[in-house]
């Protein structure tokens, strides 16, 4: 059950990142370049395929010019 919740959180965060990136008109390649990671890694993050570090999420937020809370708010609801 915990693995299922972990996957749900990763997918929720990834989806939020993707939606914000797209709303800002950025390609996955552009954002990955700004963050300093491979676009394939960012793709896996956006699809919820991998869990990434808090630091990596911080860098993504910084590159998107958003607060960390924009991708982390209401995650408690996912865990219920």
N, C-alpha and C. Protein backbone atom coordinates (compact mmCIF):
# COMPACT_ATOMS: atom_id res chain seq x y z
N UNK A 1 0.81 -1.19 0.00
CA UNK A 1 0.00 0.00 0.00
C UNK A 1 0.86 1.26 0.00
N UNK A 2 1.94 1.27 0.75
CA UNK A 2 2.82 2.43 0.79
C UNK A 2 3.44 2.69 -0.58
N UNK A 3 3.81 1.63 -1.30
CA UNK A 3 4.37 1.81 -2.64
C UNK A 3 3.36 2.45 -3.58
N UNK A 4 2.10 2.09 -3.42
CA UNK A 4 1.04 2.67 -4.24
C UNK A 4 0.92 4.16 -3.95
N UNK A 5 0.97 4.53 -2.69
CA UNK A 5 0.88 5.94 -2.31
C UNK A 5 2.09 6.72 -2.81
N UNK A 6 3.26 6.11 -2.73
CA UNK A 6 4.48 6.75 -3.22
C UNK A 6 4.35 7.04 -4.72
N UNK A 7 3.81 6.09 -5.45
CA UNK A 7 3.61 6.25 -6.89
C UNK A 7 2.59 7.35 -7.17
N UNK A 8 1.52 7.38 -6.40
CA UNK A 8 0.49 8.42 -6.58
C UNK A 8 1.06 9.81 -6.34
N UNK A 9 1.87 9.96 -5.30
CA UNK A 9 2.49 11.25 -5.00
C UNK A 9 3.42 11.65 -6.14
N UNK A 10 4.24 10.73 -6.61
CA UNK A 10 5.17 11.03 -7.71
C UNK A 10 4.41 11.44 -8.96
N UNK A 11 3.32 10.76 -9.27
CA UNK A 11 2.52 11.10 -10.46
C UNK A 11 1.85 12.46 -10.30
N UNK A 12 1.36 12.76 -9.11
CA UNK A 12 0.71 14.04 -8.86
C UNK A 12 1.70 15.19 -9.01
N UNK A 13 2.86 15.07 -8.39
CA UNK A 13 3.88 16.10 -8.48
C UNK A 13 4.35 16.25 -9.92
N UNK A 14 4.60 15.14 -10.58
CA UNK A 14 5.05 15.18 -11.97
C UNK A 14 4.05 15.84 -12.89
N UNK A 15 2.79 15.53 -12.69
CA UNK A 15 1.72 16.13 -13.50
C UNK A 15 1.65 17.64 -13.28
N UNK A 16 1.82 18.05 -12.04
CA UNK A 16 1.82 19.49 -11.75
C UNK A 16 2.98 20.19 -12.43
N UNK A 17 4.15 19.57 -12.38
CA UNK A 17 5.32 20.15 -13.05
C UNK A 17 5.06 20.27 -14.55
N UNK A 18 4.55 19.21 -15.16
CA UNK A 18 4.27 19.22 -16.60
C UNK A 18 3.27 20.32 -16.95
N UNK A 19 2.19 20.42 -16.19
CA UNK A 19 1.16 21.42 -16.48
C UNK A 19 1.71 22.84 -16.37
N UNK A 20 2.51 23.09 -15.35
CA UNK A 20 3.10 24.43 -15.18
C UNK A 20 4.09 24.71 -16.30
N UNK A 21 4.92 23.72 -16.62
CA UNK A 21 5.89 23.89 -17.71
C UNK A 21 5.18 24.24 -19.01
N UNK A 22 4.13 23.50 -19.32
CA UNK A 22 3.41 23.73 -20.56
C UNK A 22 2.70 25.08 -20.55
N UNK A 23 2.15 25.47 -19.40
CA UNK A 23 1.45 26.76 -19.32
C UNK A 23 2.42 27.92 -19.52
N UNK A 24 3.69 27.70 -19.24
CA UNK A 24 4.71 28.73 -19.44
C UNK A 24 5.32 28.66 -20.84
N UNK A 25 4.85 27.72 -21.65
CA UNK A 25 5.31 27.60 -23.02
C UNK A 25 6.71 27.03 -23.17
N UNK A 26 7.15 26.26 -22.17
CA UNK A 26 8.48 25.66 -22.22
C UNK A 26 8.41 24.22 -22.71
N UNK A 27 9.39 23.85 -23.51
CA UNK A 27 9.51 22.44 -23.88
C UNK A 27 10.20 21.69 -22.74
N UNK A 28 10.09 20.39 -22.78
CA UNK A 28 10.75 19.59 -21.76
C UNK A 28 12.27 19.76 -21.86
N UNK A 29 12.76 19.93 -23.08
CA UNK A 29 14.19 20.12 -23.29
C UNK A 29 14.66 21.45 -22.70
N UNK A 30 13.87 22.50 -22.88
CA UNK A 30 14.23 23.81 -22.34
C UNK A 30 14.30 23.79 -20.81
N UNK A 31 13.28 23.19 -20.18
CA UNK A 31 13.28 23.14 -18.72
C UNK A 31 14.43 22.27 -18.22
N UNK A 32 14.64 21.15 -18.84
CA UNK A 32 15.74 20.27 -18.42
C UNK A 32 17.08 21.00 -18.50
N UNK A 33 17.27 21.77 -19.56
CA UNK A 33 18.51 22.54 -19.71
C UNK A 33 18.66 23.54 -18.57
N UNK A 34 17.58 24.24 -18.24
CA UNK A 34 17.62 25.22 -17.16
C UNK A 34 17.93 24.58 -15.81
N UNK A 35 17.42 23.37 -15.61
CA UNK A 35 17.62 22.66 -14.34
C UNK A 35 19.00 22.01 -14.30
N UNK A 36 19.51 21.65 -15.48
CA UNK A 36 20.82 20.99 -15.55
C UNK A 36 20.72 19.48 -15.48
N UNK A 37 19.62 18.95 -16.02
CA UNK A 37 19.45 17.49 -16.06
C UNK A 37 19.10 17.07 -17.49
N UNK A 38 19.19 15.79 -17.75
CA UNK A 38 18.80 15.26 -19.05
C UNK A 38 17.29 15.35 -19.21
N UNK A 39 16.83 15.63 -20.42
CA UNK A 39 15.39 15.74 -20.63
C UNK A 39 14.69 14.42 -20.37
N UNK A 40 15.40 13.31 -20.55
CA UNK A 40 14.79 12.00 -20.29
C UNK A 40 14.51 11.82 -18.80
N UNK A 41 15.38 12.37 -17.97
CA UNK A 41 15.15 12.30 -16.52
C UNK A 41 13.94 13.16 -16.15
N UNK A 42 13.85 14.35 -16.71
CA UNK A 42 12.71 15.22 -16.44
C UNK A 42 11.42 14.56 -16.94
N UNK A 43 11.49 13.90 -18.06
CA UNK A 43 10.32 13.18 -18.57
C UNK A 43 9.86 12.11 -17.58
N UNK A 44 10.79 11.38 -17.02
CA UNK A 44 10.44 10.34 -16.03
C UNK A 44 9.85 10.97 -14.77
N UNK A 45 10.35 12.14 -14.38
CA UNK A 45 9.80 12.85 -13.22
C UNK A 45 8.36 13.27 -13.52
N UNK A 46 8.15 13.87 -14.68
CA UNK A 46 6.82 14.34 -15.04
C UNK A 46 5.80 13.20 -15.16
N UNK A 47 6.24 12.05 -15.56
CA UNK A 47 5.33 10.90 -15.68
C UNK A 47 5.18 10.13 -14.38
N UNK A 48 5.92 10.54 -13.35
CA UNK A 48 5.84 9.86 -12.06
C UNK A 48 6.52 8.52 -12.05
N UNK A 49 7.44 8.32 -12.97
CA UNK A 49 8.16 7.04 -13.08
C UNK A 49 9.29 6.92 -12.06
N UNK A 50 9.82 8.07 -11.64
CA UNK A 50 10.90 8.05 -10.65
C UNK A 50 10.59 9.07 -9.56
N UNK A 51 11.08 8.80 -8.39
CA UNK A 51 11.05 9.77 -7.31
C UNK A 51 12.37 10.51 -7.37
N UNK A 52 12.28 11.80 -7.24
CA UNK A 52 13.49 12.61 -7.30
C UNK A 52 13.71 13.28 -5.96
N UNK A 53 14.84 13.86 -5.79
CA UNK A 53 15.18 14.47 -4.51
C UNK A 53 14.45 15.80 -4.33
N UNK A 54 14.35 16.21 -3.09
CA UNK A 54 13.77 17.51 -2.77
C UNK A 54 14.61 18.60 -3.44
N UNK A 55 15.92 18.44 -3.43
CA UNK A 55 16.80 19.43 -4.06
C UNK A 55 16.49 19.56 -5.55
N UNK A 56 16.30 18.43 -6.22
CA UNK A 56 15.98 18.46 -7.65
C UNK A 56 14.64 19.17 -7.88
N UNK A 57 13.67 18.91 -7.01
CA UNK A 57 12.38 19.58 -7.12
C UNK A 57 12.53 21.08 -6.89
N UNK A 58 13.39 21.45 -5.94
CA UNK A 58 13.67 22.86 -5.70
C UNK A 58 14.24 23.52 -6.95
N UNK A 59 15.17 22.85 -7.62
CA UNK A 59 15.76 23.40 -8.84
C UNK A 59 14.73 23.55 -9.95
N UNK A 60 13.83 22.58 -10.05
CA UNK A 60 12.76 22.65 -11.06
C UNK A 60 11.86 23.85 -10.76
N UNK A 61 11.49 24.01 -9.50
CA UNK A 61 10.65 25.15 -9.12
C UNK A 61 11.34 26.47 -9.41
N UNK A 62 12.62 26.53 -9.11
CA UNK A 62 13.38 27.76 -9.37
C UNK A 62 13.40 28.07 -10.86
N UNK A 63 13.62 27.06 -11.68
CA UNK A 63 13.66 27.25 -13.13
C UNK A 63 12.29 27.66 -13.68
N UNK A 64 11.22 27.19 -13.04
CA UNK A 64 9.87 27.55 -13.46
C UNK A 64 9.40 28.86 -12.83
N UNK A 65 10.22 29.38 -11.91
CA UNK A 65 9.90 30.62 -11.20
C UNK A 65 8.58 30.48 -10.42
N UNK A 66 8.48 29.37 -9.68
CA UNK A 66 7.31 29.12 -8.85
C UNK A 66 7.78 28.76 -7.44
N UNK A 67 6.86 28.80 -6.51
CA UNK A 67 7.20 28.36 -5.16
C UNK A 67 7.06 26.85 -5.07
N UNK A 68 7.79 26.27 -4.15
CA UNK A 68 7.74 24.82 -3.94
C UNK A 68 6.31 24.37 -3.62
N UNK A 69 5.57 25.22 -2.94
CA UNK A 69 4.20 24.85 -2.54
C UNK A 69 3.28 24.65 -3.75
N UNK A 70 3.61 25.24 -4.88
CA UNK A 70 2.76 25.07 -6.07
C UNK A 70 2.76 23.63 -6.57
N UNK A 71 3.80 22.88 -6.27
CA UNK A 71 3.80 21.47 -6.67
C UNK A 71 3.57 20.53 -5.49
N UNK A 72 3.66 21.07 -4.27
CA UNK A 72 3.55 20.19 -3.10
C UNK A 72 2.26 20.35 -2.30
N UNK A 73 1.52 21.44 -2.54
CA UNK A 73 0.29 21.65 -1.78
C UNK A 73 -0.69 20.49 -1.98
N UNK A 74 -1.39 20.18 -0.92
CA UNK A 74 -2.46 19.19 -0.92
C UNK A 74 -2.00 17.76 -1.18
N UNK A 75 -0.73 17.47 -1.05
CA UNK A 75 -0.28 16.08 -1.24
C UNK A 75 -0.79 15.16 -0.14
N UNK A 76 -1.15 15.74 0.99
CA UNK A 76 -1.71 14.94 2.08
C UNK A 76 -2.97 14.23 1.62
N UNK A 77 -3.75 14.90 0.78
CA UNK A 77 -4.97 14.29 0.27
C UNK A 77 -4.68 13.05 -0.57
N UNK A 78 -3.58 13.06 -1.28
CA UNK A 78 -3.18 11.89 -2.06
C UNK A 78 -2.89 10.71 -1.16
N UNK A 79 -2.37 11.00 0.02
CA UNK A 79 -1.99 9.94 0.95
C UNK A 79 -3.18 9.33 1.70
N UNK A 80 -4.34 9.94 1.64
CA UNK A 80 -5.50 9.43 2.36
C UNK A 80 -6.08 8.21 1.71
